[in-house]
Amino acid sequence: MHHRLPEPLRVELPSPYTIHDIKKISMGGVSNEEFYGILFNNGHLYLAGEGCNYNQLPNSNTKCQFTELTTHVKDMNCGGWHTTYKTYSNELYAMGFNHDGRCALGHSNKTTKPERVKLPFTSGIKSLENGCFSAVLTDDGKVWVAGRSYARTTEDKFEQVKSLGQYFIVKIVVSVYCVLCLSRDGKVFAFGSVEDQDAWPSSSSVAIHLKQFDNIRVVDIGSAGPQNFTVMVWE
């Protein structure tokens, strides 16, 4: 039996942008609370969505077409009901659902507009990824996470995944509830929650070394979708 794929949805970009102006697209949301972010080459960040009841959109809207959130953005990521973005001056901002501290703002109050994150590290931010928590990879190869519900952090701020401290991590990918990490020497690690079963026993300081990949030259990792699927590419 052949199944016909749904017709693609045409998105109207905000004027005067065209598809050639897009630097990055990110999709967030859980349980029909989808929202979208588009970062343009000029550093302007726009968000859009509908059925959004957890402050995912600018001005606490529950539905909007693409609306400008801010400017001077270098990178961004939409997660489970929240968004983080990095400016060209290496400052990190967050907004959206924050009842479990996933925005790493030092509090668990709702955020209806972007707030600057006080970073507990001095190294630059290499990449930022979001699921139902926030994750950051720094230039010195360290991984930091925030969110009491799924990252198991104890406070409303970023905490280092200390069990990875002896490894230089070069890439992280995030699904809704878990993180996959690739070290410089090709080792693969995972931590998070999978179908409500903890992949770490108590806190974000524990990451599992996936030793079954040690005899394979892993050159890249990636996410295959929002529901805890990951893929690994090797030579």
C-alpha atoms as a PDB file:
ATOM      1  CA  MET A   1       0.000   0.000   0.000  1.00  0.00           C
ATOM      2  CA  HIS A   2       1.288   3.414  -0.951  1.00  0.00           C
ATOM      3  CA  HIS A   3       0.595   6.400   1.267  1.00  0.00           C
ATOM      4  CA  ARG A   4       0.459   9.841  -0.227  1.00  0.00           C
ATOM      5  CA  LEU A   5       2.470  12.461   1.560  1.00  0.00           C
ATOM      6  CA  PRO A   6       0.605  15.593   2.672  1.00  0.00           C
ATOM      7  CA  GLU A   7       0.917  18.672   0.531  1.00  0.00           C
ATOM      8  CA  PRO A   8       3.635  21.036   1.783  1.00  0.00           C
ATOM      9  CA  LEU A   9       2.403  24.128   3.596  1.00  0.00           C
ATOM     10  CA  ARG A  10       3.361  27.383   1.929  1.00  0.00           C
ATOM     11  CA  VAL A  11       4.644  29.979   4.355  1.00  0.00           C
ATOM     12  CA  GLU A  12       4.457  33.672   3.614  1.00  0.00           C
ATOM     13  CA  LEU A  13       7.661  35.333   4.740  1.00  0.00           C
ATOM     14  CA  PRO A  14       7.497  38.803   6.258  1.00  0.00           C
ATOM     15  CA  SER A  15       8.216  41.585   3.785  1.00  0.00           C
ATOM     16  CA  PRO A  16      10.728  42.297   2.308  1.00  0.00           C
ATOM     17  CA  TYR A  17      12.450  38.943   2.942  1.00  0.00           C
ATOM     18  CA  THR A  18      12.817  36.097   0.461  1.00  0.00           C
ATOM     19  CA  ILE A  19      13.950  32.523   0.933  1.00  0.00           C
ATOM     20  CA  HIS A  20      17.499  33.597   0.020  1.00  0.00           C
ATOM     21  CA  ASP A  21      17.606  35.797   3.136  1.00  0.00           C
ATOM     22  CA  ILE A  22      17.062  32.895   5.551  1.00  0.00           C
ATOM     23  CA  LYS A  23      19.985  31.861   7.757  1.00  0.00           C
ATOM     24  CA  LYS A  24      18.207  29.305   9.959  1.00  0.00           C
ATOM     25  CA  ILE A  25      14.756  27.818  10.599  1.00  0.00           C
ATOM     26  CA  SER A  26      13.812  26.151  13.879  1.00  0.00           C
ATOM     27  CA  MET A  27      10.574  24.463  14.971  1.00  0.00           C
ATOM     28  CA  GLY A  28       9.490  24.102  18.583  1.00  0.00           C
ATOM     29  CA  GLY A  29       6.510  23.013  20.607  1.00  0.00           C
ATOM     30  CA  VAL A  30       4.970  19.908  22.129  1.00  0.00           C
ATOM     31  CA  SER A  31       1.399  18.541  21.993  1.00  0.00           C
ATOM     32  CA  ASN A  32      -0.062  20.767  19.272  1.00  0.00           C
ATOM     33  CA  GLU A  33       1.650  23.855  20.686  1.00  0.00           C
ATOM     34  CA  GLU A  34       3.894  24.242  17.637  1.00  0.00           C
ATOM     35  CA  PHE A  35       5.696  27.464  16.881  1.00  0.00           C
ATOM     36  CA  TYR A  36       8.436  28.437  14.453  1.00  0.00           C
ATOM     37  CA  GLY A  37      11.445  30.685  14.347  1.00  0.00           C
ATOM     38  CA  ILE A  38      13.220  32.142  11.326  1.00  0.00           C
ATOM     39  CA  LEU A  39      16.587  33.853  11.640  1.00  0.00           C
ATOM     40  CA  PHE A  40      17.533  36.010   8.680  1.00  0.00           C
ATOM     41  CA  ASN A  41      21.028  36.814   7.482  1.00  0.00           C
ATOM     42  CA  ASN A  42      20.758  40.366   8.811  1.00  0.00           C
ATOM     43  CA  GLY A  43      20.320  39.090  12.385  1.00  0.00           C
ATOM     44  CA  HIS A  44      16.569  39.689  12.660  1.00  0.00           C
ATOM     45  CA  LEU A  45      14.636  36.920  14.451  1.00  0.00           C
ATOM     46  CA  TYR A  46      10.942  36.265  13.763  1.00  0.00           C
ATOM     47  CA  LEU A  47       8.525  33.879  15.508  1.00  0.00           C
ATOM     48  CA  ALA A  48       5.137  32.506  14.461  1.00  0.00           C
ATOM     49  CA  GLY A  49       2.676  29.890  15.684  1.00  0.00           C
ATOM     50  CA  GLU A  50      -0.819  29.134  16.885  1.00  0.00           C
ATOM     51  CA  GLY A  51      -2.409  27.445  19.891  1.00  0.00           C
ATOM     52  CA  CYS A  52       0.531  28.706  21.933  1.00  0.00           C
ATOM     53  CA  ASN A  53      -0.481  29.097  25.565  1.00  0.00           C
ATOM     54  CA  TYR A  54       2.905  29.118  27.287  1.00  0.00           C
ATOM     55  CA  ASN A  55       4.405  32.473  26.256  1.00  0.00           C
ATOM     56  CA  GLN A  56       6.184  31.029  23.224  1.00  0.00           C
ATOM     57  CA  LEU A  57       5.241  34.018  21.056  1.00  0.00           C
ATOM     58  CA  PRO A  58       5.995  37.745  21.357  1.00  0.00           C
ATOM     59  CA  ASN A  59       3.647  39.809  23.559  1.00  0.00           C
ATOM     60  CA  SER A  60       2.035  36.656  25.020  1.00  0.00           C
ATOM     61  CA  ASN A  61       0.077  36.052  21.816  1.00  0.00           C
ATOM     62  CA  THR A  62      -1.440  32.595  21.420  1.00  0.00           C
ATOM     63  CA  LYS A  63      -1.407  32.937  17.628  1.00  0.00           C
ATOM     64  CA  CYS A  64       0.465  35.162  15.205  1.00  0.00           C
ATOM     65  CA  GLN A  65       2.016  35.322  11.781  1.00  0.00           C
ATOM     66  CA  PHE A  66       5.752  35.901  11.664  1.00  0.00           C
ATOM     67  CA  THR A  67       6.462  38.731  14.107  1.00  0.00           C
ATOM     68  CA  GLU A  68       9.862  40.253  14.748  1.00  0.00           C
ATOM     69  CA  LEU A  69      11.187  39.340  18.187  1.00  0.00           C
ATOM     70  CA  THR A  70      14.592  41.009  18.161  1.00  0.00           C
ATOM     71  CA  THR A  71      17.672  41.887  16.103  1.00  0.00           C
ATOM     72  CA  HIS A  72      21.471  41.339  16.238  1.00  0.00           C
ATOM     73  CA  VAL A  73      20.982  37.563  16.605  1.00  0.00           C
ATOM     74  CA  LYS A  74      23.782  35.184  15.584  1.00  0.00           C
ATOM     75  CA  ASP A  75      22.094  31.858  16.398  1.00  0.00           C
ATOM     76  CA  MET A  76      18.803  30.644  17.851  1.00  0.00           C
ATOM     77  CA  ASN A  77      16.841  27.517  18.696  1.00  0.00           C
ATOM     78  CA  CYS A  78      13.160  26.864  19.415  1.00  0.00           C
ATOM     79  CA  GLY A  79      12.470  24.136  21.964  1.00  0.00           C
ATOM     80  CA  GLY A  80       9.565  22.705  23.909  1.00  0.00           C
ATOM     81  CA  TRP A  81       7.602  25.913  24.499  1.00  0.00           C
ATOM     82  CA  HIS A  82      10.640  28.201  24.766  1.00  0.00           C
ATOM     83  CA  THR A  83      13.294  29.900  22.624  1.00  0.00           C
ATOM     84  CA  THR A  84      16.925  30.760  23.254  1.00  0.00           C
ATOM     85  CA  TYR A  85      19.130  32.922  21.076  1.00  0.00           C
ATOM     86  CA  LYS A  86      22.721  34.168  21.037  1.00  0.00           C
ATOM     87  CA  THR A  87      23.725  37.669  20.015  1.00  0.00           C
ATOM     88  CA  TYR A  88      26.846  38.654  18.120  1.00  0.00           C
ATOM     89  CA  SER A  89      28.357  39.794  21.425  1.00  0.00           C
ATOM     90  CA  ASN A  90      27.987  36.227  22.810  1.00  0.00           C
ATOM     91  CA  GLU A  91      25.102  37.121  25.117  1.00  0.00           C
ATOM     92  CA  LEU A  92      22.359  34.523  25.604  1.00  0.00           C
ATOM     93  CA  TYR A  93      18.651  35.347  25.900  1.00  0.00           C
ATOM     94  CA  ALA A  94      15.618  33.170  26.594  1.00  0.00           C
ATOM     95  CA  MET A  95      11.831  33.470  26.650  1.00  0.00           C
ATOM     96  CA  GLY A  96       8.795  31.212  26.894  1.00  0.00           C
ATOM     97  CA  PHE A  97       7.736  28.444  29.265  1.00  0.00           C
ATOM     98  CA  ASN A  98       9.931  28.604  32.350  1.00  0.00           C
ATOM     99  CA  HIS A  99       8.038  26.948  35.204  1.00  0.00           C
ATOM    100  CA  ASP A 100      10.820  24.383  35.618  1.00  0.00           C
ATOM    101  CA  GLY A 101      13.671  26.852  35.091  1.00  0.00           C
ATOM    102  CA  ARG A 102      14.483  25.649  31.572  1.00  0.00           C
ATOM    103  CA  CYS A 103      15.244  29.215  30.456  1.00  0.00           C
ATOM    104  CA  ALA A 104      18.103  29.384  33.016  1.00  0.00           C
ATOM    105  CA  LEU A 105      17.088  32.861  34.154  1.00  0.00           C
ATOM    106  CA  GLY A 106      17.590  32.306  37.878  1.00  0.00           C
ATOM    107  CA  HIS A 107      13.840  32.122  38.496  1.00  0.00           C
ATOM    108  CA  SER A 108      10.866  30.009  37.405  1.00  0.00           C
ATOM    109  CA  ASN A 109       8.456  32.834  36.564  1.00  0.00           C
ATOM    110  CA  LYS A 110       6.789  33.083  33.175  1.00  0.00           C
ATOM    111  CA  THR A 111       8.693  35.107  30.603  1.00  0.00           C
ATOM    112  CA  THR A 112       6.644  37.158  28.152  1.00  0.00           C
ATOM    113  CA  LYS A 113       9.677  38.791  26.562  1.00  0.00           C
ATOM    114  CA  PRO A 114      13.349  37.846  26.148  1.00  0.00           C
ATOM    115  CA  GLU A 115      15.506  38.034  29.260  1.00  0.00           C
ATOM    116  CA  ARG A 116      19.284  37.865  29.374  1.00  0.00           C
ATOM    117  CA  VAL A 117      20.734  34.668  30.837  1.00  0.00           C
ATOM    118  CA  LYS A 118      23.491  35.034  33.418  1.00  0.00           C
ATOM    119  CA  LEU A 119      26.062  32.544  32.191  1.00  0.00           C
ATOM    120  CA  PRO A 120      28.076  30.537  34.746  1.00  0.00           C
ATOM    121  CA  PHE A 121      30.974  30.179  32.281  1.00  0.00           C
ATOM    122  CA  THR A 122      33.306  32.548  30.461  1.00  0.00           C
ATOM    123  CA  SER A 123      33.945  30.499  27.325  1.00  0.00           C
ATOM    124  CA  GLY A 124      32.113  31.369  24.129  1.00  0.00           C
ATOM    125  CA  ILE A 125      28.961  29.527  23.067  1.00  0.00           C
ATOM    126  CA  LYS A 126      29.551  27.119  20.186  1.00  0.00           C
ATOM    127  CA  SER A 127      25.970  25.877  19.832  1.00  0.00           C
ATOM    128  CA  LEU A 128      22.638  25.940  21.619  1.00  0.00           C
ATOM    129  CA  GLU A 129      19.974  23.233  21.478  1.00  0.00           C
ATOM    130  CA  ASN A 130      16.570  22.957  23.110  1.00  0.00           C
ATOM    131  CA  GLY A 131      14.139  20.187  23.905  1.00  0.00           C
ATOM    132  CA  CYS A 132      11.944  20.399  27.005  1.00  0.00           C
ATOM    133  CA  PHE A 133      15.054  21.943  28.564  1.00  0.00           C
ATOM    134  CA  SER A 134      18.004  24.031  27.344  1.00  0.00           C
ATOM    135  CA  ALA A 135      21.462  22.775  26.393  1.00  0.00           C
ATOM    136  CA  VAL A 136      24.601  24.700  25.473  1.00  0.00           C
ATOM    137  CA  LEU A 137      27.961  23.547  24.108  1.00  0.00           C
ATOM    138  CA  THR A 138      30.787  25.957  24.828  1.00  0.00           C
ATOM    139  CA  ASP A 139      33.954  26.578  22.825  1.00  0.00           C
ATOM    140  CA  ASP A 140      36.032  24.730  25.432  1.00  0.00           C
ATOM    141  CA  GLY A 141      34.090  21.498  24.844  1.00  0.00           C
ATOM    142  CA  LYS A 142      31.844  21.628  27.926  1.00  0.00           C
ATOM    143  CA  VAL A 143      28.103  20.843  28.015  1.00  0.00           C
ATOM    144  CA  TRP A 144      25.670  22.822  30.159  1.00  0.00           C
ATOM    145  CA  VAL A 145      21.950  22.154  30.692  1.00  0.00           C
ATOM    146  CA  ALA A 146      18.989  23.860  32.400  1.00  0.00           C
ATOM    147  CA  GLY A 147      15.536  22.611  33.404  1.00  0.00           C
ATOM    148  CA  ARG A 148      14.463  20.744  36.527  1.00  0.00           C
ATOM    149  CA  SER A 149      11.844  18.547  34.823  1.00  0.00           C
ATOM    150  CA  TYR A 150      14.020  16.782  32.239  1.00  0.00           C
ATOM    151  CA  ALA A 151      17.573  18.056  32.664  1.00  0.00           C
ATOM    152  CA  ARG A 152      17.308  17.288  36.400  1.00  0.00           C
ATOM    153  CA  THR A 153      19.086  20.478  37.357  1.00  0.00           C
ATOM    154  CA  THR A 154      18.716  21.528  40.973  1.00  0.00           C
ATOM    155  CA  GLU A 155      18.467  25.283  40.382  1.00  0.00           C
ATOM    156  CA  ASP A 156      16.974  27.607  37.767  1.00  0.00           C
ATOM    157  CA  LYS A 157      20.262  28.096  35.957  1.00  0.00           C
ATOM    158  CA  PHE A 158      22.728  26.273  33.713  1.00  0.00           C
ATOM    159  CA  GLU A 159      24.622  23.399  35.340  1.00  0.00           C
ATOM    160  CA  GLN A 160      27.588  21.598  33.814  1.00  0.00           C
ATOM    161  CA  VAL A 161      27.337  17.910  32.877  1.00  0.00           C
ATOM    162  CA  LYS A 162      30.358  17.122  35.028  1.00  0.00           C
ATOM    163  CA  SER A 163      30.739  13.480  34.026  1.00  0.00           C
ATOM    164  CA  LEU A 164      31.764  14.723  30.561  1.00  0.00           C
ATOM    165  CA  GLY A 165      34.450  16.969  32.012  1.00  0.00           C
ATOM    166  CA  GLN A 166      37.383  14.805  30.949  1.00  0.00           C
ATOM    167  CA  TYR A 167      36.171  14.768  27.334  1.00  0.00           C
ATOM    168  CA  PHE A 168      36.224  17.550  24.766  1.00  0.00           C
ATOM    169  CA  ILE A 169      32.728  17.552  23.272  1.00  0.00           C
ATOM    170  CA  VAL A 170      32.523  18.785  19.678  1.00  0.00           C
ATOM    171  CA  LYS A 171      28.799  18.397  18.983  1.00  0.00           C
ATOM    172  CA  ILE A 172      25.504  17.935  20.805  1.00  0.00           C
ATOM    173  CA  VAL A 173      22.059  17.134  19.399  1.00  0.00           C
ATOM    174  CA  VAL A 174      18.826  17.284  21.363  1.00  0.00           C
ATOM    175  CA  SER A 175      15.454  15.599  21.061  1.00  0.00           C
ATOM    176  CA  VAL A 176      12.478  16.417  23.261  1.00  0.00           C
ATOM    177  CA  TYR A 177      13.827  14.717  26.359  1.00  0.00           C
ATOM    178  CA  CYS A 178      17.451  13.693  25.825  1.00  0.00           C
ATOM    179  CA  VAL A 179      20.887  14.765  24.561  1.00  0.00           C
ATOM    180  CA  LEU A 180      23.462  12.963  22.424  1.00  0.00           C
ATOM    181  CA  CYS A 181      27.090  14.100  22.608  1.00  0.00           C
ATOM    182  CA  LEU A 182      30.107  13.417  20.402  1.00  0.00           C
ATOM    183  CA  SER A 183      33.607  13.846  21.792  1.00  0.00           C
ATOM    184  CA  ARG A 184      36.713  14.878  19.850  1.00  0.00           C
ATOM    185  CA  ASP A 185      38.069  11.328  20.060  1.00  0.00           C
ATOM    186  CA  GLY A 186      34.881   9.821  18.611  1.00  0.00           C
ATOM    187  CA  LYS A 187      33.137   8.638  21.776  1.00  0.00           C
ATOM    188  CA  VAL A 188      29.336   8.952  22.039  1.00  0.00           C
ATOM    189  CA  PHE A 189      27.440   9.828  25.218  1.00  0.00           C
ATOM    190  CA  ALA A 190      23.738  10.180  26.041  1.00  0.00           C
ATOM    191  CA  PHE A 191      21.699  11.550  28.899  1.00  0.00           C
ATOM    192  CA  GLY A 192      18.125  12.579  29.539  1.00  0.00           C
ATOM    193  CA  SER A 193      14.726  10.930  29.855  1.00  0.00           C
ATOM    194  CA  VAL A 194      13.342   8.342  27.413  1.00  0.00           C
ATOM    195  CA  GLU A 195       9.633   7.471  27.638  1.00  0.00           C
ATOM    196  CA  ASP A 196       9.608   8.666  31.240  1.00  0.00           C
ATOM    197  CA  GLN A 197      12.513   6.347  32.102  1.00  0.00           C
ATOM    198  CA  ASP A 198      15.553   8.232  33.333  1.00  0.00           C
ATOM    199  CA  ALA A 199      18.718   7.745  31.311  1.00  0.00           C
ATOM    200  CA  TRP A 200      20.531   9.257  34.282  1.00  0.00           C
ATOM    201  CA  PRO A 201      19.710   8.158  37.830  1.00  0.00           C
ATOM    202  CA  SER A 202      19.584  11.426  39.714  1.00  0.00           C
ATOM    203  CA  SER A 203      21.063  14.519  38.114  1.00  0.00           C
ATOM    204  CA  SER A 204      22.545  16.131  35.025  1.00  0.00           C
ATOM    205  CA  SER A 205      26.037  15.280  36.295  1.00  0.00           C
ATOM    206  CA  VAL A 206      25.697  11.733  34.921  1.00  0.00           C
ATOM    207  CA  ALA A 207      26.002  10.849  31.217  1.00  0.00           C
ATOM    208  CA  ILE A 208      26.045   7.338  29.785  1.00  0.00           C
ATOM    209  CA  HIS A 209      29.008   6.322  27.611  1.00  0.00           C
ATOM    210  CA  LEU A 210      27.600   4.333  24.671  1.00  0.00           C
ATOM    211  CA  LYS A 211      30.495   1.901  24.461  1.00  0.00           C
ATOM    212  CA  GLN A 212      28.912  -0.118  21.652  1.00  0.00           C
ATOM    213  CA  PHE A 213      30.151   2.610  19.292  1.00  0.00           C
ATOM    214  CA  ASP A 214      33.756   2.629  20.512  1.00  0.00           C
ATOM    215  CA  ASN A 215      34.897   0.223  17.801  1.00  0.00           C
ATOM    216  CA  ILE A 216      33.255   2.256  15.049  1.00  0.00           C
ATOM    217  CA  ARG A 217      34.656   5.511  13.770  1.00  0.00           C
ATOM    218  CA  VAL A 218      31.823   7.920  14.509  1.00  0.00           C
ATOM    219  CA  VAL A 219      32.228  11.121  12.517  1.00  0.00           C
ATOM    220  CA  ASP A 220      28.887  12.821  13.114  1.00  0.00           C
ATOM    221  CA  ILE A 221      25.640  12.632  15.057  1.00  0.00           C
ATOM    222  CA  GLY A 222      22.224  14.064  14.337  1.00  0.00           C
ATOM    223  CA  SER A 223      18.585  14.129  15.359  1.00  0.00           C
ATOM    224  CA  ALA A 224      16.029  12.204  13.298  1.00  0.00           C
ATOM    225  CA  GLY A 225      13.019  13.964  14.763  1.00  0.00           C
ATOM    226  CA  PRO A 226      11.492  15.327  17.959  1.00  0.00           C
ATOM    227  CA  GLN A 227      10.596  12.034  19.640  1.00  0.00           C
ATOM    228  CA  ASN A 228      13.921  10.847  21.024  1.00  0.00           C
ATOM    229  CA  PHE A 229      15.282   9.485  17.737  1.00  0.00           C
ATOM    230  CA  THR A 230      18.954   9.988  16.999  1.00  0.00           C
ATOM    231  CA  VAL A 231      21.211   8.885  14.164  1.00  0.00           C
ATOM    232  CA  MET A 232      24.934   8.363  14.027  1.00  0.00           C
ATOM    233  CA  VAL A 233      26.998   8.555  10.860  1.00  0.00           C
ATOM    234  CA  TRP A 234      30.324   6.777  10.619  1.00  0.00           C
ATOM    235  CA  GLU A 235      32.880   5.895   7.985  1.00  0.00           C
END
